[in-house]
Amino acid sequence: MSSSYSSTETSTYTVADVEKVVRSIKADLMMIADRTKAMTEDSAKEYAHDIELLAKQGYLTKVDVTLMSSAEVEIAAAKYQFQNEGASGAERPGGVLWPATPTGRIRIVMSHSDAYYAESDRVSKLPLKISWVPTTADISHSSLSAKGGRGYSSNGFGANRKDFA
């Protein structure tokens, strides 16, 4: 199935553009899993699957990935802000050299677009791999410091990553 999305008359992106951007996010998740041992690579692939599925539908505004210690203290985080037009940044995945924390866990919180809520019947039929639940988790990362980030984009669609440590 092929479809395209148009956000303005001057900026058009396709499903392939979304896939390219999400491949970079998936690579980040795989590196985080490998370095931290706080989630399996299979779990990282499942999270990436759901992120891609929702991003292709225009249902995501942000994805927040946080390494939590066994005492539920934030150790590191990456926040991906999705853009549907004017995105720039063609950086390669990486830069997520988080510490090994095998007794910790990875918390992933997605923020949804208005379309997600407006199309709840359609959303409920998507073949998501993760059983997502609502959360009130604080994703401000006030206990961490901003440490730069990266930008992933293709034809105006993109995700800007902000890092925290």
C-alpha atoms as a PDB file:
ATOM      1  CA  MET A   1       0.000   0.000   0.000  1.00  0.00           C
ATOM      2  CA  SER A   2       1.408   3.355  -0.967  1.00  0.00           C
ATOM      3  CA  SER A   3       0.226   6.744   0.115  1.00  0.00           C
ATOM      4  CA  SER A   4       1.621  10.203   0.433  1.00  0.00           C
ATOM      5  CA  TYR A   5       1.024  13.100   2.754  1.00  0.00           C
ATOM      6  CA  SER A   6       1.038  16.760   1.841  1.00  0.00           C
ATOM      7  CA  SER A   7       1.426  19.394   4.489  1.00  0.00           C
ATOM      8  CA  THR A   8       1.699  22.434   2.199  1.00  0.00           C
ATOM      9  CA  GLU A   9       1.854  23.013  -1.501  1.00  0.00           C
ATOM     10  CA  THR A  10       5.630  23.291  -1.259  1.00  0.00           C
ATOM     11  CA  SER A  11       6.399  20.392   1.082  1.00  0.00           C
ATOM     12  CA  THR A  12       5.382  16.825   0.343  1.00  0.00           C
ATOM     13  CA  TYR A  13       6.662  13.638   1.886  1.00  0.00           C
ATOM     14  CA  THR A  14       5.875   9.983   1.348  1.00  0.00           C
ATOM     15  CA  VAL A  15       5.660   6.849   3.431  1.00  0.00           C
ATOM     16  CA  ALA A  16       9.233   6.113   2.303  1.00  0.00           C
ATOM     17  CA  ASP A  17      10.366   9.389   3.906  1.00  0.00           C
ATOM     18  CA  VAL A  18       8.734   8.414   7.204  1.00  0.00           C
ATOM     19  CA  GLU A  19      10.379   4.966   6.986  1.00  0.00           C
ATOM     20  CA  LYS A  20      13.793   6.566   6.430  1.00  0.00           C
ATOM     21  CA  VAL A  21      13.437   8.795   9.497  1.00  0.00           C
ATOM     22  CA  VAL A  22      12.127   5.960  11.671  1.00  0.00           C
ATOM     23  CA  ARG A  23      15.046   3.744  10.582  1.00  0.00           C
ATOM     24  CA  SER A  24      17.322   6.251  12.306  1.00  0.00           C
ATOM     25  CA  ILE A  25      15.176   6.190  15.442  1.00  0.00           C
ATOM     26  CA  LYS A  26      15.176   2.374  15.336  1.00  0.00           C
ATOM     27  CA  ALA A  27      18.980   2.393  15.076  1.00  0.00           C
ATOM     28  CA  ASP A  28      19.116   4.651  18.144  1.00  0.00           C
ATOM     29  CA  LEU A  29      16.807   2.274  20.049  1.00  0.00           C
ATOM     30  CA  MET A  30      18.931  -0.718  19.054  1.00  0.00           C
ATOM     31  CA  MET A  31      22.091   1.068  20.284  1.00  0.00           C
ATOM     32  CA  ILE A  32      20.341   1.998  23.541  1.00  0.00           C
ATOM     33  CA  ALA A  33      19.292  -1.635  24.051  1.00  0.00           C
ATOM     34  CA  ASP A  34      22.800  -2.893  23.294  1.00  0.00           C
ATOM     35  CA  ARG A  35      24.573  -0.371  25.530  1.00  0.00           C
ATOM     36  CA  THR A  36      22.231  -0.295  28.525  1.00  0.00           C
ATOM     37  CA  LYS A  37      20.970  -3.891  28.635  1.00  0.00           C
ATOM     38  CA  ALA A  38      17.809  -2.299  30.097  1.00  0.00           C
ATOM     39  CA  MET A  39      15.697  -3.653  27.228  1.00  0.00           C
ATOM     40  CA  THR A  40      16.141  -6.385  24.671  1.00  0.00           C
ATOM     41  CA  GLU A  41      16.832  -5.778  21.009  1.00  0.00           C
ATOM     42  CA  ASP A  42      13.527  -7.522  20.250  1.00  0.00           C
ATOM     43  CA  SER A  43      11.724  -4.971  22.440  1.00  0.00           C
ATOM     44  CA  ALA A  44      13.557  -2.139  20.661  1.00  0.00           C
ATOM     45  CA  LYS A  45      12.332  -3.526  17.312  1.00  0.00           C
ATOM     46  CA  GLU A  46       8.757  -3.717  18.613  1.00  0.00           C
ATOM     47  CA  TYR A  47       8.867  -0.125  19.846  1.00  0.00           C
ATOM     48  CA  ALA A  48      10.294   0.984  16.476  1.00  0.00           C
ATOM     49  CA  HIS A  49       7.514  -0.908  14.675  1.00  0.00           C
ATOM     50  CA  ASP A  50       4.824   0.942  16.613  1.00  0.00           C
ATOM     51  CA  ILE A  51       6.550   4.310  16.213  1.00  0.00           C
ATOM     52  CA  GLU A  52       6.748   3.760  12.454  1.00  0.00           C
ATOM     53  CA  LEU A  53       3.145   2.611  12.194  1.00  0.00           C
ATOM     54  CA  LEU A  54       1.841   5.644  14.089  1.00  0.00           C
ATOM     55  CA  ALA A  55       4.189   8.112  12.363  1.00  0.00           C
ATOM     56  CA  LYS A  56       3.044   6.918   8.929  1.00  0.00           C
ATOM     57  CA  GLN A  57      -0.512   7.826   9.901  1.00  0.00           C
ATOM     58  CA  GLY A  58       0.501  11.244  11.235  1.00  0.00           C
ATOM     59  CA  TYR A  59      -0.431  10.217  14.781  1.00  0.00           C
ATOM     60  CA  LEU A  60       2.771  11.217  16.623  1.00  0.00           C
ATOM     61  CA  THR A  61       4.079  14.552  17.804  1.00  0.00           C
ATOM     62  CA  LYS A  62       6.775  13.304  20.220  1.00  0.00           C
ATOM     63  CA  VAL A  63       8.419  10.138  21.445  1.00  0.00           C
ATOM     64  CA  ASP A  64      10.316  10.268  24.720  1.00  0.00           C
ATOM     65  CA  VAL A  65      12.836   7.522  25.555  1.00  0.00           C
ATOM     66  CA  THR A  66      14.213   7.458  29.102  1.00  0.00           C
ATOM     67  CA  LEU A  67      16.680   5.169  30.848  1.00  0.00           C
ATOM     68  CA  MET A  68      15.433   4.618  34.394  1.00  0.00           C
ATOM     69  CA  SER A  69      17.486   3.102  37.213  1.00  0.00           C
ATOM     70  CA  SER A  70      16.102   0.278  39.336  1.00  0.00           C
ATOM     71  CA  ALA A  71      15.229   3.016  41.871  1.00  0.00           C
ATOM     72  CA  GLU A  72      13.166   4.795  39.157  1.00  0.00           C
ATOM     73  CA  VAL A  73      15.646   7.671  38.801  1.00  0.00           C
ATOM     74  CA  GLU A  74      16.227   9.117  35.321  1.00  0.00           C
ATOM     75  CA  ILE A  75      19.738   8.430  34.022  1.00  0.00           C
ATOM     76  CA  ALA A  76      19.521   9.573  30.373  1.00  0.00           C
ATOM     77  CA  ALA A  77      16.827  10.505  27.882  1.00  0.00           C
ATOM     78  CA  ALA A  78      16.167  11.336  24.250  1.00  0.00           C
ATOM     79  CA  LYS A  79      13.098  13.245  23.081  1.00  0.00           C
ATOM     80  CA  TYR A  80      12.110  13.002  19.404  1.00  0.00           C
ATOM     81  CA  GLN A  81       9.953  15.881  18.132  1.00  0.00           C
ATOM     82  CA  PHE A  82       8.225  15.035  14.844  1.00  0.00           C
ATOM     83  CA  GLN A  83       7.843  17.625  12.084  1.00  0.00           C
ATOM     84  CA  ASN A  84       5.589  17.298   9.058  1.00  0.00           C
ATOM     85  CA  GLU A  85       7.117  20.135   7.083  1.00  0.00           C
ATOM     86  CA  GLY A  86      10.350  22.045   6.879  1.00  0.00           C
ATOM     87  CA  ALA A  87      12.357  19.437   8.787  1.00  0.00           C
ATOM     88  CA  SER A  88      16.084  19.466   8.207  1.00  0.00           C
ATOM     89  CA  GLY A  89      18.945  17.414   9.479  1.00  0.00           C
ATOM     90  CA  ALA A  90      20.463  14.399   7.840  1.00  0.00           C
ATOM     91  CA  GLU A  91      22.609  13.214  10.676  1.00  0.00           C
ATOM     92  CA  ARG A  92      23.439   9.579  11.123  1.00  0.00           C
ATOM     93  CA  PRO A  93      21.981   7.678  14.066  1.00  0.00           C
ATOM     94  CA  GLY A  94      24.126   7.402  17.147  1.00  0.00           C
ATOM     95  CA  GLY A  95      25.398   9.477  20.021  1.00  0.00           C
ATOM     96  CA  VAL A  96      23.331   7.501  22.509  1.00  0.00           C
ATOM     97  CA  LEU A  97      26.234   6.178  24.546  1.00  0.00           C
ATOM     98  CA  TRP A  98      24.146   5.583  27.611  1.00  0.00           C
ATOM     99  CA  PRO A  99      25.645   3.680  30.567  1.00  0.00           C
ATOM    100  CA  ALA A 100      25.112  -0.024  31.104  1.00  0.00           C
ATOM    101  CA  THR A 101      22.150  -0.352  33.473  1.00  0.00           C
ATOM    102  CA  PRO A 102      21.035  -3.986  33.311  1.00  0.00           C
ATOM    103  CA  THR A 103      18.837  -3.622  36.403  1.00  0.00           C
ATOM    104  CA  GLY A 104      17.150  -0.535  34.979  1.00  0.00           C
ATOM    105  CA  ARG A 105      14.441  -0.166  32.375  1.00  0.00           C
ATOM    106  CA  ILE A 106      13.641   1.894  29.307  1.00  0.00           C
ATOM    107  CA  ARG A 107      10.473   3.996  29.528  1.00  0.00           C
ATOM    108  CA  ILE A 108       8.968   5.114  26.223  1.00  0.00           C
ATOM    109  CA  VAL A 109       6.185   7.696  26.188  1.00  0.00           C
ATOM    110  CA  MET A 110       4.443   8.752  22.998  1.00  0.00           C
ATOM    111  CA  SER A 111       2.598  12.050  22.548  1.00  0.00           C
ATOM    112  CA  HIS A 112      -0.154  11.871  19.967  1.00  0.00           C
ATOM    113  CA  SER A 113      -1.483  14.308  17.395  1.00  0.00           C
ATOM    114  CA  ASP A 114      -5.071  15.534  17.256  1.00  0.00           C
ATOM    115  CA  ALA A 115      -5.664  13.109  14.354  1.00  0.00           C
ATOM    116  CA  TYR A 116      -4.883  10.186  16.686  1.00  0.00           C
ATOM    117  CA  TYR A 117      -7.756  11.149  18.965  1.00  0.00           C
ATOM    118  CA  ALA A 118     -10.099  12.126  16.117  1.00  0.00           C
ATOM    119  CA  GLU A 119      -9.637   8.722  14.458  1.00  0.00           C
ATOM    120  CA  SER A 120      -9.786   6.504  17.548  1.00  0.00           C
ATOM    121  CA  ASP A 121     -11.780   3.771  15.758  1.00  0.00           C
ATOM    122  CA  ARG A 122      -9.102   3.536  13.068  1.00  0.00           C
ATOM    123  CA  VAL A 123      -6.299   3.671  15.638  1.00  0.00           C
ATOM    124  CA  SER A 124      -7.822   0.776  17.606  1.00  0.00           C
ATOM    125  CA  LYS A 125      -7.477  -1.460  14.531  1.00  0.00           C
ATOM    126  CA  LEU A 126      -3.763  -0.802  13.972  1.00  0.00           C
ATOM    127  CA  PRO A 127      -1.543  -3.877  14.496  1.00  0.00           C
ATOM    128  CA  LEU A 128       0.572  -2.435  17.319  1.00  0.00           C
ATOM    129  CA  LYS A 129       3.137  -4.745  18.950  1.00  0.00           C
ATOM    130  CA  ILE A 130       3.169  -3.035  22.354  1.00  0.00           C
ATOM    131  CA  SER A 131       0.188  -2.810  24.717  1.00  0.00           C
ATOM    132  CA  TRP A 132       0.344   0.934  25.255  1.00  0.00           C
ATOM    133  CA  VAL A 133      -1.366   2.456  28.280  1.00  0.00           C
ATOM    134  CA  PRO A 134      -1.989   6.087  29.271  1.00  0.00           C
ATOM    135  CA  THR A 135       0.592   7.570  31.608  1.00  0.00           C
ATOM    136  CA  THR A 136       1.109  10.609  33.775  1.00  0.00           C
ATOM    137  CA  ALA A 137       4.895  10.222  33.728  1.00  0.00           C
ATOM    138  CA  ASP A 138       6.839  13.472  33.975  1.00  0.00           C
ATOM    139  CA  ILE A 139       8.880  13.709  30.762  1.00  0.00           C
ATOM    140  CA  SER A 140      10.312  17.180  31.430  1.00  0.00           C
ATOM    141  CA  HIS A 141      13.654  15.645  32.485  1.00  0.00           C
ATOM    142  CA  SER A 142      14.105  18.375  35.091  1.00  0.00           C
ATOM    143  CA  SER A 143      16.647  16.215  36.958  1.00  0.00           C
ATOM    144  CA  LEU A 144      18.811  15.951  33.811  1.00  0.00           C
ATOM    145  CA  SER A 145      20.700  18.492  31.687  1.00  0.00           C
ATOM    146  CA  ALA A 146      20.153  19.060  27.979  1.00  0.00           C
ATOM    147  CA  LYS A 147      23.158  17.709  26.043  1.00  0.00           C
ATOM    148  CA  GLY A 148      22.522  18.572  22.376  1.00  0.00           C
ATOM    149  CA  GLY A 149      20.855  16.229  19.928  1.00  0.00           C
ATOM    150  CA  ARG A 150      20.460  15.249  16.279  1.00  0.00           C
ATOM    151  CA  GLY A 151      18.062  15.739  13.433  1.00  0.00           C
ATOM    152  CA  TYR A 152      16.740  13.076  11.079  1.00  0.00           C
ATOM    153  CA  SER A 153      14.750  14.141   8.017  1.00  0.00           C
ATOM    154  CA  SER A 154      13.672  13.251   4.506  1.00  0.00           C
ATOM    155  CA  ASN A 155      11.753  15.571   2.132  1.00  0.00           C
ATOM    156  CA  GLY A 156      10.470  17.824   4.894  1.00  0.00           C
ATOM    157  CA  PHE A 157       9.381  15.072   7.300  1.00  0.00           C
ATOM    158  CA  GLY A 158      11.636  14.657  10.296  1.00  0.00           C
ATOM    159  CA  ALA A 159      12.333  14.016  13.926  1.00  0.00           C
ATOM    160  CA  ASN A 160      14.609  16.278  15.941  1.00  0.00           C
ATOM    161  CA  ARG A 161      16.210  14.481  18.867  1.00  0.00           C
ATOM    162  CA  LYS A 162      17.077  16.363  22.042  1.00  0.00           C
ATOM    163  CA  ASP A 163      19.384  14.508  24.426  1.00  0.00           C
ATOM    164  CA  PHE A 164      19.485  14.673  28.208  1.00  0.00           C
ATOM    165  CA  ALA A 165      22.019  13.288  30.687  1.00  0.00           C
END
